Amino acid sequence: MKKIFTKDNSTYIIVILAYILVEVLINTGHLSSLMKGLLVPLCVYVILAVSLNLTVGILGELSLGHAGFMCVGAFSGAIFTQIIGDSMNGGLRFFIAIIIGAVVAAIFGIIIGIPVLRLKGDYLAIVTLAFGEIIKNIINILYLGVDDNGFHLSTQNAAALGLDPDSGRIIIKGAQGISGTPTNSNFTIGVILVLITLFVTLNLIHSRTGRAIMSIRDNRIAAESIGINITKYKLLAFTISAAFAGIAGVLYAHNLSSLTALPKNFGYNMSIMILVFVVLGGMGNIRGSVIAAVVLTLLPELLRGLNEYRMLIYSIVLIAVMIISWSPTAKAFRERYFGFLFKKKKGVS
């Protein structure tokens, strides 16, 4: 990674200009409270889409458990914040929580990736899907408390923890999750994390390591024949992708007063939604993932006034966009007038 920035910096420029525009709208009072509430989730979804594109688009492996890594990061970061409490500066505490969320998610990525990434076909998709569901279900039955004697775990109920009545407190309350997490997340921090994610991902893609990863995607046998360690590079890409999902989880957890492992936020549907961002934006197209995540997150909210018809319209728009994206005429129009947004670097598909 000798280059600090790639030649094409349009992705960074788009994010920075969007941030400036939003800040202007906020300061002038032209942004509704509903849209303000979507700003941090938008950053979360962009990070998730970019990180998943590293696995699906750049590495060429299908992962259906990205929400599971997000869940691991969210709860590990929130647990740290709950344990530390007010004994540490809020900004420093949040920064360390982000690091912890990334590291824990990366560790789970390594644990899952080592046995699975040696296999071919759909095994990775099946295992990551199972991982996401297992993590969600374990957290829903888990009770975690802490007192002067240390940590206490139970899968029965809070009373089974046996906490000291004076110093004990419950951190995870089974299906009720974690409550009382300080809301340290904001739009500025979210944009900074998005830029860091883009910086690491784009420089990885355009590095020697990135070219090795893409060679594995394009022709595994040819890559192996010239001495590329297939398992090493696949595990590296998968682990980095999981780590950024963990960062997104910490950002998400510290935007809510109560964190629960529900199917709508950490389940199979969440993983599929992130995958839709990647596919619609273009496999391997990082800018496309950013744009697709923003548009598809805002679209249901913009259609909220249509009540029960909004999801129907949302689905129709998705189908229409996918059909149009395969049209040669639409492709030529897009490349001519919007090429600066969707143009791909050589070697990236």
Protein backbone atom coordinates (compact mmCIF):
# COMPACT_ATOMS: atom_id res chain seq x y z
CA MET A 1 0.00 0.00 0.00
CA LYS A 2 2.51 2.63 -1.13
CA LYS A 3 -0.18 5.05 -2.31
CA ILE A 4 -2.00 6.94 0.40
CA PHE A 5 -4.90 7.76 -1.90
CA THR A 6 -5.91 6.18 -5.16
CA LYS A 7 -6.02 8.25 -8.34
CA ASP A 8 -9.79 8.29 -8.38
CA ASN A 9 -10.95 10.09 -5.25
CA SER A 10 -14.54 10.61 -6.36
CA THR A 11 -15.89 8.32 -3.62
CA TYR A 12 -14.30 10.41 -0.88
CA ILE A 13 -15.51 13.61 -2.56
CA ILE A 14 -19.08 12.31 -2.77
CA VAL A 15 -19.12 11.44 0.95
CA ILE A 16 -17.57 14.74 2.03
CA LEU A 17 -19.91 16.84 -0.16
CA ALA A 18 -22.90 14.90 1.13
CA TYR A 19 -21.76 15.56 4.71
CA ILE A 20 -21.38 19.29 4.05
CA LEU A 21 -24.82 19.44 2.40
CA VAL A 22 -26.48 17.65 5.32
CA GLU A 23 -24.79 19.90 7.87
CA VAL A 24 -26.00 22.98 5.97
CA LEU A 25 -29.54 21.59 5.91
CA ILE A 26 -29.39 20.85 9.65
CA ASN A 27 -28.06 24.30 10.55
CA THR A 28 -30.68 26.05 8.41
CA GLY A 29 -33.51 23.94 9.83
CA HIS A 30 -34.46 22.34 6.50
CA LEU A 31 -33.97 18.74 7.64
CA SER A 32 -36.86 16.98 9.37
CA SER A 33 -36.43 15.10 12.63
CA LEU A 34 -37.18 11.85 10.77
CA MET A 35 -34.30 12.44 8.36
CA LYS A 36 -32.00 13.43 11.23
CA GLY A 37 -32.76 10.09 12.86
CA LEU A 38 -31.66 8.29 9.69
CA LEU A 39 -28.22 9.89 9.45
CA VAL A 40 -26.35 7.46 11.73
CA PRO A 41 -28.14 4.37 10.31
CA LEU A 42 -27.14 5.59 6.83
CA CYS A 43 -23.48 5.56 7.89
CA VAL A 44 -23.95 2.11 9.43
CA TYR A 45 -25.43 0.70 6.22
CA VAL A 46 -22.72 2.27 4.05
CA ILE A 47 -19.98 0.68 6.18
CA LEU A 48 -21.77 -2.68 6.03
CA ALA A 49 -22.25 -2.49 2.26
CA VAL A 50 -18.63 -1.51 1.55
CA SER A 51 -17.25 -4.18 3.87
CA LEU A 52 -19.50 -6.91 2.45
CA ASN A 53 -18.47 -5.90 -1.07
CA LEU A 54 -14.93 -6.76 -0.08
CA THR A 55 -16.04 -10.36 0.50
CA VAL A 56 -18.68 -10.73 -2.21
CA GLY A 57 -17.39 -8.45 -4.98
CA ILE A 58 -13.62 -8.43 -4.54
CA LEU A 59 -13.03 -11.89 -3.05
CA GLY A 60 -15.92 -13.52 -4.91
CA GLU A 61 -17.31 -15.46 -1.94
CA LEU A 62 -20.97 -15.31 -0.88
CA SER A 63 -21.50 -14.41 2.78
CA LEU A 64 -24.99 -14.38 4.30
CA GLY A 65 -23.97 -13.71 7.89
CA HIS A 66 -22.74 -10.13 7.80
CA ALA A 67 -25.43 -9.16 10.31
CA GLY A 68 -23.92 -11.74 12.66
CA PHE A 69 -20.55 -9.98 12.68
CA MET A 70 -22.38 -6.70 13.16
CA CYS A 71 -24.19 -8.24 16.13
CA VAL A 72 -20.94 -9.46 17.69
CA GLY A 73 -19.38 -6.01 17.35
CA ALA A 74 -22.47 -4.24 18.67
CA PHE A 75 -22.78 -6.31 21.85
CA SER A 76 -19.06 -6.51 22.60
CA GLY A 77 -18.73 -2.72 22.28
CA ALA A 78 -21.87 -2.11 24.35
CA ILE A 79 -20.72 -4.54 27.07
CA PHE A 80 -17.40 -2.67 27.36
CA THR A 81 -19.20 0.66 27.61
CA GLN A 82 -21.52 -0.70 30.31
CA ILE A 83 -18.63 -2.11 32.36
CA ILE A 84 -16.51 1.05 32.19
CA GLY A 85 -19.42 3.37 32.86
CA ASP A 86 -18.59 6.96 33.70
CA SER A 87 -15.10 6.16 34.97
CA MET A 88 -13.65 7.09 31.56
CA ASN A 89 -14.09 10.03 29.22
CA GLY A 90 -17.02 9.40 26.89
CA GLY A 91 -15.06 10.01 23.68
CA LEU A 92 -12.18 7.77 24.68
CA ARG A 93 -14.58 5.09 25.92
CA PHE A 94 -16.43 5.11 22.59
CA PHE A 95 -13.15 4.93 20.64
CA ILE A 96 -12.01 1.90 22.64
CA ALA A 97 -15.44 0.31 22.19
CA ILE A 98 -15.03 0.65 18.41
CA ILE A 99 -11.61 -1.03 18.58
CA ILE A 100 -13.01 -3.84 20.74
CA GLY A 101 -15.98 -4.36 18.40
CA ALA A 102 -13.66 -4.57 15.39
CA VAL A 103 -11.24 -6.97 17.09
CA VAL A 104 -13.93 -9.31 18.43
CA ALA A 105 -15.72 -9.43 15.06
CA ALA A 106 -12.39 -10.09 13.32
CA ILE A 107 -11.65 -12.96 15.72
CA PHE A 108 -15.01 -14.53 14.91
CA GLY A 109 -14.24 -13.99 11.22
CA ILE A 110 -10.98 -15.92 11.62
CA ILE A 111 -12.66 -18.70 13.60
CA ILE A 112 -15.31 -19.17 10.91
CA GLY A 113 -13.03 -18.52 7.96
CA ILE A 114 -10.24 -20.98 8.76
CA PRO A 115 -12.32 -24.15 8.31
CA VAL A 116 -14.73 -22.82 5.68
CA LEU A 117 -12.59 -20.78 3.27
CA ARG A 118 -10.70 -23.92 2.24
CA LEU A 119 -13.92 -25.27 0.76
CA LYS A 120 -15.59 -24.46 -2.54
CA GLY A 121 -19.15 -23.67 -3.54
CA ASP A 122 -21.89 -22.50 -1.19
CA TYR A 123 -20.39 -23.72 2.09
CA LEU A 124 -19.37 -20.22 3.15
CA ALA A 125 -22.89 -18.88 2.61
CA ILE A 126 -24.42 -21.74 4.61
CA VAL A 127 -21.98 -21.45 7.52
CA THR A 128 -22.14 -17.65 7.76
CA LEU A 129 -25.94 -17.80 7.64
CA ALA A 130 -25.91 -20.35 10.48
CA PHE A 131 -23.40 -18.23 12.41
CA GLY A 132 -25.64 -15.15 12.24
CA GLU A 133 -28.66 -17.06 13.48
CA ILE A 134 -26.72 -18.84 16.23
CA ILE A 135 -25.23 -15.60 17.57
CA LYS A 136 -28.63 -13.90 17.61
CA ASN A 137 -30.31 -16.80 19.40
CA ILE A 138 -27.52 -17.19 21.97
CA ILE A 139 -27.70 -13.51 22.93
CA ASN A 140 -31.48 -13.76 23.31
CA ILE A 141 -31.10 -16.42 26.04
CA LEU A 142 -27.94 -15.02 27.62
CA TYR A 143 -27.85 -13.24 30.97
CA LEU A 144 -24.61 -11.49 31.88
CA GLY A 145 -23.92 -9.74 35.18
CA VAL A 146 -20.93 -8.32 37.00
CA ASP A 147 -20.12 -7.65 40.66
CA ASP A 148 -17.05 -7.48 42.88
CA ASN A 149 -16.44 -11.20 42.31
CA GLY A 150 -16.28 -10.86 38.52
CA PHE A 151 -18.58 -11.87 35.68
CA HIS A 152 -21.56 -14.19 35.99
CA LEU A 153 -23.24 -15.98 33.07
CA SER A 154 -26.55 -17.80 32.84
CA THR A 155 -28.95 -18.99 30.16
CA GLN A 156 -31.90 -19.38 32.56
CA ASN A 157 -32.87 -16.07 34.14
CA ALA A 158 -31.42 -13.08 35.96
CA ALA A 159 -31.89 -14.68 39.39
CA ALA A 160 -29.64 -17.59 38.39
CA LEU A 161 -26.67 -15.21 38.06
CA GLY A 162 -26.23 -15.08 41.85
CA LEU A 163 -25.04 -11.47 41.87
CA ASP A 164 -24.03 -9.63 45.01
CA PRO A 165 -27.05 -7.50 45.99
CA ASP A 166 -24.87 -4.48 46.79
CA SER A 167 -22.32 -4.38 43.96
CA GLY A 168 -23.95 -6.55 41.30
CA ARG A 169 -25.62 -5.29 38.15
CA ILE A 170 -26.99 -7.01 35.07
CA ILE A 171 -25.54 -6.07 31.70
CA ILE A 172 -27.34 -8.43 29.28
CA LYS A 173 -30.93 -9.25 30.20
CA GLY A 174 -31.72 -12.09 27.83
CA ALA A 175 -34.22 -11.11 25.13
CA GLN A 176 -34.35 -7.58 26.60
CA GLY A 177 -30.73 -7.11 25.58
CA ILE A 178 -28.67 -4.20 26.89
CA SER A 179 -30.28 -0.99 28.05
CA GLY A 180 -28.81 2.32 29.12
CA THR A 181 -25.94 2.44 26.63
CA PRO A 182 -24.82 6.07 26.19
CA THR A 183 -25.68 7.48 22.76
CA ASN A 184 -22.20 8.53 21.70
CA SER A 185 -22.84 7.99 17.99
CA ASN A 186 -23.48 11.00 15.78
CA PHE A 187 -23.41 11.84 12.09
CA THR A 188 -19.91 13.32 12.16
CA ILE A 189 -18.40 10.24 13.78
CA GLY A 190 -20.35 8.06 11.35
CA VAL A 191 -18.94 9.91 8.33
CA ILE A 192 -15.41 9.66 9.73
CA LEU A 193 -15.84 5.89 10.11
CA VAL A 194 -17.23 5.69 6.56
CA LEU A 195 -14.16 7.52 5.23
CA ILE A 196 -11.84 5.21 7.20
CA THR A 197 -13.67 2.18 5.79
CA LEU A 198 -13.35 3.55 2.25
CA PHE A 199 -9.69 4.41 2.79
CA VAL A 200 -8.75 0.93 3.99
CA THR A 201 -10.93 -0.89 1.44
CA LEU A 202 -9.89 1.11 -1.63
CA ASN A 203 -6.20 1.00 -0.77
CA LEU A 204 -6.43 -2.72 -0.10
CA ILE A 205 -8.09 -3.26 -3.48
CA HIS A 206 -5.41 -1.28 -5.34
CA SER A 207 -2.51 -2.85 -3.47
CA ARG A 208 -0.53 -5.96 -4.32
CA THR A 209 -2.61 -7.84 -1.78
CA GLY A 210 -5.82 -6.68 -3.44
CA ARG A 211 -4.62 -7.82 -6.85
CA ALA A 212 -3.81 -11.23 -5.37
CA ILE A 213 -7.32 -11.43 -3.87
CA MET A 214 -8.94 -10.53 -7.20
CA SER A 215 -6.79 -13.06 -9.03
CA ILE A 216 -8.19 -15.74 -6.71
CA ARG A 217 -11.71 -14.58 -7.56
CA ASP A 218 -11.06 -14.57 -11.31
CA ASN A 219 -9.19 -17.88 -11.54
CA ARG A 220 -8.41 -19.82 -8.42
CA ILE A 221 -6.38 -22.51 -10.19
CA ALA A 222 -4.22 -19.99 -12.07
CA ALA A 223 -3.61 -17.99 -8.87
CA GLU A 224 -2.60 -21.12 -7.00
CA SER A 225 -0.31 -22.21 -9.83
CA ILE A 226 1.79 -19.02 -9.54
CA GLY A 227 2.29 -19.48 -5.79
CA ILE A 228 -0.48 -17.34 -4.28
CA ASN A 229 -1.54 -18.63 -0.87
CA ILE A 230 -5.27 -19.03 -1.48
CA THR A 231 -6.30 -19.56 2.13
CA LYS A 232 -4.17 -16.69 3.44
CA TYR A 233 -5.59 -14.03 1.15
CA LYS A 234 -9.17 -15.24 1.38
CA LEU A 235 -8.96 -15.26 5.17
CA LEU A 236 -7.41 -11.77 5.16
CA ALA A 237 -10.22 -10.28 3.07
CA PHE A 238 -12.90 -12.08 5.06
CA THR A 239 -11.45 -10.97 8.39
CA ILE A 240 -11.16 -7.31 7.36
CA SER A 241 -14.75 -7.44 6.11
CA ALA A 242 -15.92 -8.89 9.44
CA ALA A 243 -13.95 -6.27 11.40
CA PHE A 244 -15.67 -3.38 9.63
CA ALA A 245 -19.04 -5.04 10.19
CA GLY A 246 -18.14 -5.04 13.89
CA ILE A 247 -17.34 -1.32 13.71
CA ALA A 248 -20.73 -0.69 12.11
CA GLY A 249 -22.29 -2.67 14.94
CA VAL A 250 -20.66 -0.50 17.61
CA LEU A 251 -21.83 2.65 15.82
CA TYR A 252 -25.33 1.17 15.66
CA ALA A 253 -25.35 0.08 19.32
CA HIS A 254 -24.33 3.53 20.58
CA ASN A 255 -27.10 5.19 18.61
CA LEU A 256 -29.81 3.42 20.65
CA SER A 257 -30.77 3.54 24.30
CA SER A 258 -31.71 -0.15 24.18
CA LEU A 259 -29.92 -2.84 22.17
CA THR A 260 -31.73 -6.12 21.44
CA ALA A 261 -30.88 -8.99 19.09
CA LEU A 262 -34.03 -9.01 17.01
CA PRO A 263 -34.46 -10.58 13.55
CA LYS A 264 -35.08 -7.15 12.00
CA ASN A 265 -31.71 -5.72 13.05
CA PHE A 266 -29.38 -8.73 13.29
CA GLY A 267 -31.24 -11.48 11.48
CA TYR A 268 -31.19 -13.09 8.06
CA ASN A 269 -33.21 -10.27 6.50
CA MET A 270 -30.58 -7.72 7.50
CA SER A 271 -27.84 -9.76 5.81
CA ILE A 272 -29.95 -10.04 2.67
CA MET A 273 -30.61 -6.29 2.67
CA ILE A 274 -26.88 -5.56 2.87
CA LEU A 275 -26.30 -8.03 0.04
CA VAL A 276 -28.94 -6.18 -2.02
CA PHE A 277 -26.94 -2.97 -1.52
CA VAL A 278 -23.86 -4.70 -2.89
CA VAL A 279 -25.59 -6.34 -5.86
CA LEU A 280 -27.53 -3.23 -6.86
CA GLY A 281 -24.50 -0.99 -6.54
CA GLY A 282 -22.35 -3.38 -8.53
CA MET A 283 -20.22 -6.33 -7.47
CA GLY A 284 -16.79 -4.92 -6.65
CA ASN A 285 -17.97 -1.33 -7.19
CA ILE A 286 -17.30 0.48 -3.92
CA ARG A 287 -18.86 3.76 -5.03
CA GLY A 288 -21.92 1.87 -6.18
CA SER A 289 -22.28 0.26 -2.75
CA VAL A 290 -22.19 3.67 -1.06
CA ILE A 291 -24.83 5.12 -3.39
CA ALA A 292 -27.07 2.03 -3.26
CA ALA A 293 -26.96 1.91 0.56
CA VAL A 294 -28.00 5.57 0.82
CA VAL A 295 -30.73 5.42 -1.84
CA LEU A 296 -32.29 2.15 -0.67
CA THR A 297 -32.26 3.29 2.97
CA LEU A 298 -33.93 6.62 2.19
CA LEU A 299 -36.45 5.28 -0.33
CA PRO A 300 -38.79 3.47 2.14
CA GLU A 301 -38.83 6.56 4.37
CA LEU A 302 -39.58 8.89 1.46
CA LEU A 303 -42.49 6.60 0.54
CA ARG A 304 -43.77 6.39 4.12
CA GLY A 305 -46.73 8.65 3.28
CA LEU A 306 -48.10 5.91 1.00
CA ASN A 307 -48.56 3.62 4.02
CA GLU A 308 -49.17 -0.01 3.00
CA TYR A 309 -48.14 0.59 -0.63
CA ARG A 310 -44.66 1.86 0.11
CA MET A 311 -42.98 -1.56 0.32
CA LEU A 312 -44.75 -2.64 -2.87
CA ILE A 313 -43.40 0.43 -4.66
CA TYR A 314 -39.99 -0.20 -3.10
CA SER A 315 -39.96 -3.74 -4.51
CA ILE A 316 -41.08 -2.56 -7.95
CA VAL A 317 -38.34 0.07 -8.00
CA LEU A 318 -35.75 -2.59 -7.09
CA ILE A 319 -36.90 -4.88 -9.90
CA ALA A 320 -37.00 -2.00 -12.38
CA VAL A 321 -33.50 -0.85 -11.48
CA MET A 322 -32.11 -4.36 -11.86
CA ILE A 323 -33.76 -4.78 -15.27
CA ILE A 324 -32.60 -1.38 -16.47
CA SER A 325 -29.08 -1.99 -15.22
CA TRP A 326 -28.82 -4.94 -17.62
CA SER A 327 -30.06 -2.89 -20.59
CA PRO A 328 -27.24 -1.99 -23.06
CA THR A 329 -28.86 1.39 -23.75
CA ALA A 330 -29.12 2.27 -20.07
CA LYS A 331 -25.55 1.09 -19.50
CA ALA A 332 -24.26 3.31 -22.30
CA PHE A 333 -26.24 6.29 -20.93
CA ARG A 334 -24.90 5.69 -17.42
CA GLU A 335 -21.29 5.38 -18.55
CA ARG A 336 -21.55 8.54 -20.65
CA TYR A 337 -23.20 10.89 -18.17
CA PHE A 338 -22.52 9.28 -14.79
CA GLY A 339 -19.24 7.50 -15.44
CA PHE A 340 -17.50 9.45 -12.69
CA LEU A 341 -19.77 7.70 -10.18
CA PHE A 342 -19.69 4.15 -11.50
CA LYS A 343 -16.45 3.85 -13.43
CA LYS A 344 -14.44 0.89 -12.17
CA LYS A 345 -10.69 0.75 -11.89
CA LYS A 346 -8.86 -1.72 -14.08
CA GLY A 347 -8.98 -5.18 -12.53
CA VAL A 348 -11.99 -4.45 -10.37
CA SER A 349 -15.29 -5.91 -11.54
